Amino acid sequence: MRIKKAGLVMALLLLTGCGKKTELIDAGMEQVEKLDFGGAIATFDQAIEDKEDAELALRGKGLAYMGLSDYASAVDCFSQALQNAGMFPGDAETDINYYLATAQYKAGQKEEAVKTLDAIAGLKEKHPEVYFLRGSIKMELGEQQPATEDLNLALHYSKQDTTMTIRVYQVFERNGYKDEGRIYLSNAIEERLSLMNEYEKGVIYYYMEDYENARNNLEAYRAQGNQDTDTLLMLGKTYEQLGDSNYAASLYAKFLEENEPNAEIYNQLGLCKLQIGQYAEAMDAFEKGLETENNVSVLQELKYNRIIACEYTGDFRKAAQMMSEYITEYPDHQEAAREYTFLQSR
């Protein structure tokens, strides 16, 4: 089974309907799937005005706000959706609560998100995503043991899925427990390697920092005719780790020549150009990524990387101006705040 990215788009598509089909709500959900979030919000507002199902319309509106990274508004919409639910909670309410918890977490309301997930866990005991999200939040709150228990349940209920294994490792790694997280990768290699396809093997080896094996497996997967974005990104990142940023950049550039514009590929191409000292080309790649449709998953990273590239070109005044705008939009990015202080001194 192919590894799928975990992120906003996956969350948006978990549930595209709850059994009550209505014309405007369905149209709004189609817009959400196409990442036309502003248009979707207008459509859901019209659905509410036209007295279509308020619970479903508010749920859809919440998803659209999540797509815009407006998590406070998403929390409000999901809460209103639940207020319009029936007396007896069902699958629709469980999913809305899951989205609510996700939005609460993204909005910085971590304790509230855990409480919401506690309620869902009582209704949907075998839902791996519930345990994964709750474990992730608990880990960030410094509750390592309860977090580990939840993450183990997420793996158990996902049937030791390779994607989930990687995600669990990443939770440990970004919270300062890299060695503990690597145990999950080692176990996967020892116990389930023969069940994985070449892509999955490559990704596991990549995170184990065994880049030679990662490259070999990813190249074998690509040789089988797999030329998709995920494969190219992982292969390129592997070559970067092997010290060949020039070749990685050529892979990204060739992919962009032969396929539709892709924000993630532009972002990685820009990072490669930064690495090899081609700062103007790096800035150009980041700007093209920002111009690409459906760039929401890497939008913040693209904006920040463009500023860094601008700084490296020596245009400190322009970089400082962009950084001022950036920290207004993303005030919690501490590294950006420090960089802004440096730019103001230049």
Protein backbone atom coordinates (compact mmCIF):
# COMPACT_ATOMS: atom_id res chain seq x y z
CA MET A 1 0.00 0.00 0.00
CA ARG A 2 1.29 3.43 -0.99
CA ILE A 3 2.09 5.92 1.75
CA LYS A 4 -0.27 8.87 1.70
CA LYS A 5 0.53 12.30 3.05
CA ALA A 6 -1.13 13.25 6.30
CA GLY A 7 -2.27 16.80 6.34
CA LEU A 8 -4.99 19.25 5.67
CA VAL A 9 -6.15 17.88 2.34
CA MET A 10 -6.57 14.39 3.79
CA ALA A 11 -8.54 15.85 6.70
CA LEU A 12 -10.77 17.79 4.35
CA LEU A 13 -11.66 14.67 2.41
CA LEU A 14 -12.33 12.28 5.28
CA LEU A 15 -16.05 12.87 5.01
CA THR A 16 -17.63 14.57 2.03
CA GLY A 17 -21.18 13.96 3.09
CA CYS A 18 -23.19 12.76 6.04
CA GLY A 19 -26.22 11.16 4.39
CA LYS A 20 -28.22 14.40 3.89
CA LYS A 21 -27.57 15.51 0.33
CA THR A 22 -28.37 19.10 -0.56
CA GLU A 23 -27.46 21.02 -3.66
CA LEU A 24 -25.56 24.00 -2.23
CA ILE A 25 -23.79 21.98 0.44
CA ASP A 26 -22.61 19.48 -2.17
CA ALA A 27 -21.43 22.36 -4.36
CA GLY A 28 -19.57 23.84 -1.41
CA MET A 29 -17.86 20.54 -0.66
CA GLU A 30 -16.73 20.30 -4.29
CA GLN A 31 -15.16 23.73 -3.89
CA VAL A 32 -13.43 22.58 -0.71
CA GLU A 33 -12.00 19.56 -2.53
CA LYS A 34 -10.71 21.91 -5.24
CA LEU A 35 -9.22 24.12 -2.49
CA ASP A 36 -11.45 27.07 -3.47
CA PHE A 37 -11.98 27.91 0.17
CA GLY A 38 -13.22 31.49 -0.24
CA GLY A 39 -15.80 30.39 -2.79
CA ALA A 40 -16.83 27.50 -0.56
CA ILE A 41 -17.50 29.82 2.40
CA ALA A 42 -19.79 31.95 0.24
CA THR A 43 -21.62 28.84 -0.96
CA PHE A 44 -22.12 27.51 2.56
CA ASP A 45 -23.39 30.92 3.70
CA GLN A 46 -25.92 30.79 0.88
CA ALA A 47 -26.89 27.25 1.92
CA ILE A 48 -27.56 28.46 5.47
CA GLU A 49 -29.57 31.40 4.15
CA ASP A 50 -31.60 29.04 1.97
CA LYS A 51 -32.39 26.88 5.03
CA GLU A 52 -30.39 23.88 3.92
CA ASP A 53 -29.10 21.57 6.65
CA ALA A 54 -27.37 23.94 9.10
CA GLU A 55 -25.18 21.26 10.69
CA LEU A 56 -23.71 20.14 7.38
CA ALA A 57 -23.36 23.68 6.02
CA LEU A 58 -21.52 24.86 9.14
CA ARG A 59 -19.33 21.78 9.08
CA GLY A 60 -18.36 22.52 5.48
CA LYS A 61 -17.74 26.16 6.31
CA GLY A 62 -15.46 25.07 9.14
CA LEU A 63 -13.46 22.91 6.74
CA ALA A 64 -13.09 25.86 4.38
CA TYR A 65 -11.82 28.07 7.18
CA MET A 66 -9.30 25.36 8.07
CA GLY A 67 -8.12 25.46 4.48
CA LEU A 68 -7.51 29.18 4.93
CA SER A 69 -5.65 28.50 8.20
CA ASP A 70 -8.28 30.57 10.03
CA TYR A 71 -8.60 28.10 12.86
CA ALA A 72 -10.45 30.37 15.29
CA SER A 73 -13.27 30.78 12.76
CA ALA A 74 -13.18 27.03 12.09
CA VAL A 75 -13.62 26.31 15.82
CA ASP A 76 -16.61 28.65 15.87
CA CYS A 77 -18.21 26.97 12.83
CA PHE A 78 -17.73 23.42 14.12
CA SER A 79 -19.11 24.42 17.52
CA GLN A 80 -22.17 25.93 15.84
CA ALA A 81 -22.54 22.81 13.70
CA LEU A 82 -22.72 20.65 16.83
CA GLN A 83 -25.32 23.00 18.30
CA ASN A 84 -27.45 22.26 15.26
CA ALA A 85 -27.03 18.48 15.57
CA GLY A 86 -29.78 16.09 16.54
CA MET A 87 -30.40 14.75 20.01
CA PHE A 88 -28.49 11.50 19.46
CA PRO A 89 -24.86 11.80 18.20
CA GLY A 90 -23.86 9.71 15.22
CA ASP A 91 -20.97 9.41 12.80
CA ALA A 92 -21.48 12.95 11.52
CA GLU A 93 -21.15 14.43 15.01
CA THR A 94 -18.10 12.27 15.72
CA ASP A 95 -16.36 13.56 12.62
CA ILE A 96 -17.32 17.17 13.36
CA ASN A 97 -15.86 16.76 16.83
CA TYR A 98 -12.66 15.41 15.28
CA TYR A 99 -12.42 18.45 13.03
CA LEU A 100 -13.21 20.65 16.02
CA ALA A 101 -10.34 19.11 17.98
CA THR A 102 -8.00 19.59 15.02
CA ALA A 103 -9.00 23.24 14.70
CA GLN A 104 -8.65 23.77 18.45
CA TYR A 105 -5.16 22.31 18.34
CA LYS A 106 -4.17 24.47 15.36
CA ALA A 107 -5.61 27.51 17.14
CA GLY A 108 -3.40 26.82 20.16
CA GLN A 109 -6.23 25.49 22.33
CA LYS A 110 -4.42 22.25 23.13
CA GLU A 111 -6.11 21.38 26.43
CA GLU A 112 -9.55 21.97 24.90
CA ALA A 113 -8.59 19.77 21.95
CA VAL A 114 -7.61 16.91 24.28
CA LYS A 115 -10.98 17.17 26.04
CA THR A 116 -12.79 17.03 22.70
CA LEU A 117 -10.76 13.98 21.68
CA ASP A 118 -11.48 12.32 25.01
CA ALA A 119 -15.17 12.48 24.16
CA ILE A 120 -14.60 11.06 20.67
CA ALA A 121 -12.45 8.21 21.97
CA GLY A 122 -15.38 7.11 24.08
CA LEU A 123 -17.57 6.89 20.98
CA LYS A 124 -15.05 5.69 18.39
CA GLU A 125 -12.66 3.46 20.26
CA LYS A 126 -10.85 2.06 17.24
CA HIS A 127 -10.28 5.27 15.27
CA PRO A 128 -6.48 5.56 14.79
CA GLU A 129 -6.60 9.25 13.83
CA VAL A 130 -8.23 10.15 17.15
CA TYR A 131 -5.48 8.48 19.16
CA PHE A 132 -2.77 9.88 16.90
CA LEU A 133 -3.95 13.46 17.27
CA ARG A 134 -4.48 13.13 21.00
CA GLY A 135 -1.06 11.53 21.42
CA SER A 136 0.57 14.27 19.35
CA ILE A 137 -0.99 17.00 21.47
CA LYS A 138 -0.14 15.29 24.75
CA MET A 139 3.46 14.96 23.61
CA GLU A 140 3.59 18.70 22.97
CA LEU A 141 2.10 19.29 26.41
CA GLY A 142 4.99 17.32 27.93
CA GLU A 143 2.92 14.26 28.84
CA GLN A 144 5.26 11.70 27.29
CA GLN A 145 3.89 8.51 28.83
CA PRO A 146 0.18 9.16 28.10
CA ALA A 147 1.21 10.39 24.65
CA THR A 148 3.15 7.20 23.96
CA GLU A 149 0.16 5.10 25.00
CA ASP A 150 -2.08 6.97 22.56
CA LEU A 151 0.44 6.75 19.72
CA ASN A 152 0.81 3.01 20.31
CA LEU A 153 -2.97 2.68 20.06
CA ALA A 154 -2.92 4.66 16.82
CA LEU A 155 -0.40 2.18 15.41
CA HIS A 156 -2.37 -0.78 16.71
CA TYR A 157 -5.67 0.32 15.22
CA SER A 158 -3.99 1.26 11.93
CA LYS A 159 -2.65 -2.31 11.80
CA GLN A 160 0.94 -1.05 11.92
CA ASP A 161 0.42 0.99 8.76
CA THR A 162 3.71 2.31 7.35
CA THR A 163 2.34 5.84 7.00
CA MET A 164 1.28 5.84 10.64
CA THR A 165 4.67 4.47 11.67
CA ILE A 166 6.39 7.41 9.99
CA ARG A 167 3.98 9.92 11.51
CA VAL A 168 4.49 8.48 15.00
CA TYR A 169 8.26 8.72 14.55
CA GLN A 170 7.92 12.36 13.48
CA VAL A 171 5.95 13.19 16.64
CA PHE A 172 8.74 11.81 18.81
CA GLU A 173 11.46 13.45 16.72
CA ARG A 174 10.06 16.98 16.72
CA ASN A 175 9.44 16.84 20.46
CA GLY A 176 13.03 15.92 21.31
CA TYR A 177 12.69 12.12 21.52
CA LYS A 178 14.34 11.12 18.27
CA ASP A 179 15.98 7.98 19.67
CA GLU A 180 12.68 6.74 21.11
CA GLY A 181 11.00 7.39 17.78
CA ARG A 182 13.64 5.49 15.82
CA ILE A 183 12.64 2.34 17.70
CA TYR A 184 9.37 2.35 15.75
CA LEU A 185 11.29 2.56 12.47
CA SER A 186 13.68 -0.21 13.50
CA ASN A 187 10.76 -2.44 14.46
CA ALA A 188 9.12 -1.79 11.12
CA ILE A 189 12.29 -2.82 9.27
CA GLU A 190 12.78 -5.93 11.38
CA GLU A 191 9.17 -7.10 11.40
CA ARG A 192 7.43 -5.80 8.28
CA LEU A 193 10.01 -4.94 5.63
CA SER A 194 9.00 -7.83 3.37
CA LEU A 195 5.41 -6.55 3.33
CA MET A 196 6.37 -3.07 2.12
CA ASN A 197 6.68 -1.84 -1.44
CA GLU A 198 9.89 -0.16 -2.61
CA TYR A 199 8.56 3.32 -1.86
CA GLU A 200 7.67 2.44 1.73
CA LYS A 201 11.06 0.83 2.24
CA GLY A 202 12.74 3.93 0.85
CA VAL A 203 10.86 6.25 3.18
CA ILE A 204 11.56 4.12 6.24
CA TYR A 205 15.27 4.01 5.37
CA TYR A 206 15.26 7.76 4.74
CA TYR A 207 14.04 8.51 8.25
CA MET A 208 16.50 5.96 9.62
CA GLU A 209 19.15 8.10 7.88
CA ASP A 210 20.24 5.12 5.79
CA TYR A 211 20.28 7.21 2.64
CA GLU A 212 22.03 4.67 0.42
CA ASN A 213 19.25 2.12 0.95
CA ALA A 214 16.66 4.86 0.71
CA ARG A 215 18.00 5.93 -2.69
CA ASN A 216 18.22 2.37 -3.98
CA ASN A 217 14.65 1.54 -3.04
CA LEU A 218 13.21 4.82 -4.28
CA GLU A 219 15.07 4.51 -7.59
CA ALA A 220 13.74 0.95 -7.93
CA TYR A 221 10.22 2.25 -7.29
CA ARG A 222 10.66 5.00 -9.87
CA ALA A 223 12.00 2.46 -12.38
CA GLN A 224 8.69 0.64 -12.07
CA GLY A 225 7.02 3.65 -13.70
CA ASN A 226 6.14 5.60 -10.59
CA GLN A 227 6.82 9.25 -11.42
CA ASP A 228 4.45 10.93 -8.99
CA THR A 229 5.15 13.93 -6.77
CA ASP A 230 5.67 11.97 -3.55
CA THR A 231 8.26 9.68 -5.13
CA LEU A 232 10.12 12.58 -6.72
CA LEU A 233 10.15 14.58 -3.50
CA MET A 234 11.49 11.72 -1.40
CA LEU A 235 14.09 10.80 -4.00
CA GLY A 236 15.24 14.39 -4.32
CA LYS A 237 15.49 14.84 -0.56
CA THR A 238 17.50 11.63 -0.38
CA TYR A 239 20.00 12.92 -2.94
CA GLU A 240 20.21 16.15 -0.94
CA GLN A 241 21.14 14.16 2.16
CA LEU A 242 23.73 12.30 0.12
CA GLY A 243 25.32 15.65 -0.66
CA ASP A 244 24.20 15.92 -4.28
CA SER A 245 21.95 19.00 -4.21
CA ASN A 246 22.78 19.75 -7.84
CA TYR A 247 21.32 16.45 -8.99
CA ALA A 248 18.32 16.85 -6.67
CA ALA A 249 17.68 20.29 -8.18
CA SER A 250 17.85 18.80 -11.68
CA LEU A 251 15.25 16.20 -10.67
CA TYR A 252 12.91 18.88 -9.38
CA ALA A 253 13.43 21.09 -12.43
CA LYS A 254 12.79 18.22 -14.84
CA PHE A 255 9.62 17.29 -12.98
CA LEU A 256 8.35 20.87 -13.24
CA GLU A 257 9.10 20.93 -16.96
CA GLU A 258 7.06 17.79 -17.56
CA ASN A 259 4.18 18.28 -15.12
CA GLU A 260 1.76 20.87 -13.81
CA PRO A 261 3.19 23.52 -11.43
CA ASN A 262 3.61 22.09 -7.94
CA ALA A 263 4.20 24.27 -4.89
CA GLU A 264 5.99 21.58 -2.89
CA ILE A 265 8.42 20.88 -5.71
CA TYR A 266 9.09 24.58 -6.20
CA ASN A 267 9.78 24.92 -2.48
CA GLN A 268 12.24 22.03 -2.49
CA LEU A 269 13.89 23.33 -5.65
CA GLY A 270 14.34 26.67 -3.95
CA LEU A 271 15.93 25.03 -0.93
CA CYS A 272 18.36 23.21 -3.20
CA LYS A 273 19.26 26.47 -4.94
CA LEU A 274 19.91 28.05 -1.54
CA GLN A 275 22.17 25.14 -0.65
CA ILE A 276 24.30 25.54 -3.77
CA GLY A 277 24.45 29.33 -3.49
CA GLN A 278 22.16 30.27 -6.38
CA TYR A 279 20.15 32.76 -4.35
CA ALA A 280 18.35 34.63 -7.13
CA GLU A 281 17.20 31.31 -8.64
CA ALA A 282 16.10 30.18 -5.19
CA MET A 283 13.98 33.29 -4.75
CA ASP A 284 12.48 32.77 -8.20
CA ALA A 285 11.52 29.18 -7.28
CA PHE A 286 9.84 30.29 -4.05
CA GLU A 287 7.95 33.04 -5.85
CA LYS A 288 6.72 30.59 -8.48
CA GLY A 289 5.57 28.30 -5.68
CA LEU A 290 3.61 31.16 -4.17
CA GLU A 291 1.98 31.80 -7.54
CA THR A 292 0.95 28.15 -7.85
CA GLU A 293 -2.63 27.18 -7.11
CA ASN A 294 -3.24 24.77 -4.23
CA ASN A 295 -0.12 25.83 -2.33
CA VAL A 296 -1.80 25.95 1.09
CA SER A 297 0.20 23.03 2.53
CA VAL A 298 3.51 24.87 2.04
CA LEU A 299 2.31 28.47 1.92
CA GLN A 300 3.93 29.61 5.16
CA GLU A 301 7.20 27.82 4.37
CA LEU A 302 7.32 29.36 0.90
CA LYS A 303 6.80 32.84 2.32
CA TYR A 304 9.53 32.41 4.91
CA ASN A 305 12.01 30.80 2.51
CA ARG A 306 11.47 33.59 -0.01
CA ILE A 307 12.50 36.12 2.64
CA ILE A 308 15.64 34.15 3.46
CA ALA A 309 16.53 33.98 -0.24
CA CYS A 310 15.96 37.73 -0.55
CA GLU A 311 18.27 38.28 2.41
CA TYR A 312 20.99 36.17 0.80
CA THR A 313 20.77 38.26 -2.38
CA GLY A 314 21.79 41.22 -0.21
CA ASP A 315 18.50 43.14 -0.44
CA PHE A 316 18.11 43.56 3.32
CA ARG A 317 15.60 46.39 3.09
CA LYS A 318 13.18 44.35 1.00
CA ALA A 319 13.75 41.28 3.19
CA ALA A 320 13.00 43.31 6.32
CA GLN A 321 9.80 44.64 4.79
CA MET A 322 8.63 41.15 3.84
CA MET A 323 9.59 39.81 7.26
CA SER A 324 7.54 42.53 8.95
CA GLU A 325 4.51 41.40 6.96
CA TYR A 326 5.31 37.75 7.66
CA ILE A 327 5.49 38.04 11.46
CA THR A 328 2.22 39.98 11.44
CA GLU A 329 0.63 37.02 9.67
CA TYR A 330 2.51 34.35 11.68
CA PRO A 331 3.24 35.92 15.09
CA ASP A 332 4.13 32.61 16.75
CA HIS A 333 7.16 31.94 14.51
CA GLN A 334 9.94 32.77 16.97
CA GLU A 335 12.78 32.16 14.52
CA ALA A 336 11.23 34.70 12.15
CA ALA A 337 11.01 37.27 14.96
CA ARG A 338 14.71 36.81 15.69
CA GLU A 339 15.56 37.09 12.01
CA TYR A 340 13.54 40.30 11.78
CA THR A 341 15.56 41.80 14.62
CA PHE A 342 18.74 40.93 12.70
CA LEU A 343 17.41 42.42 9.46
CA GLN A 344 16.49 45.67 11.17
CA SER A 345 20.10 46.02 12.28
CA ARG A 346 21.48 45.76 8.74
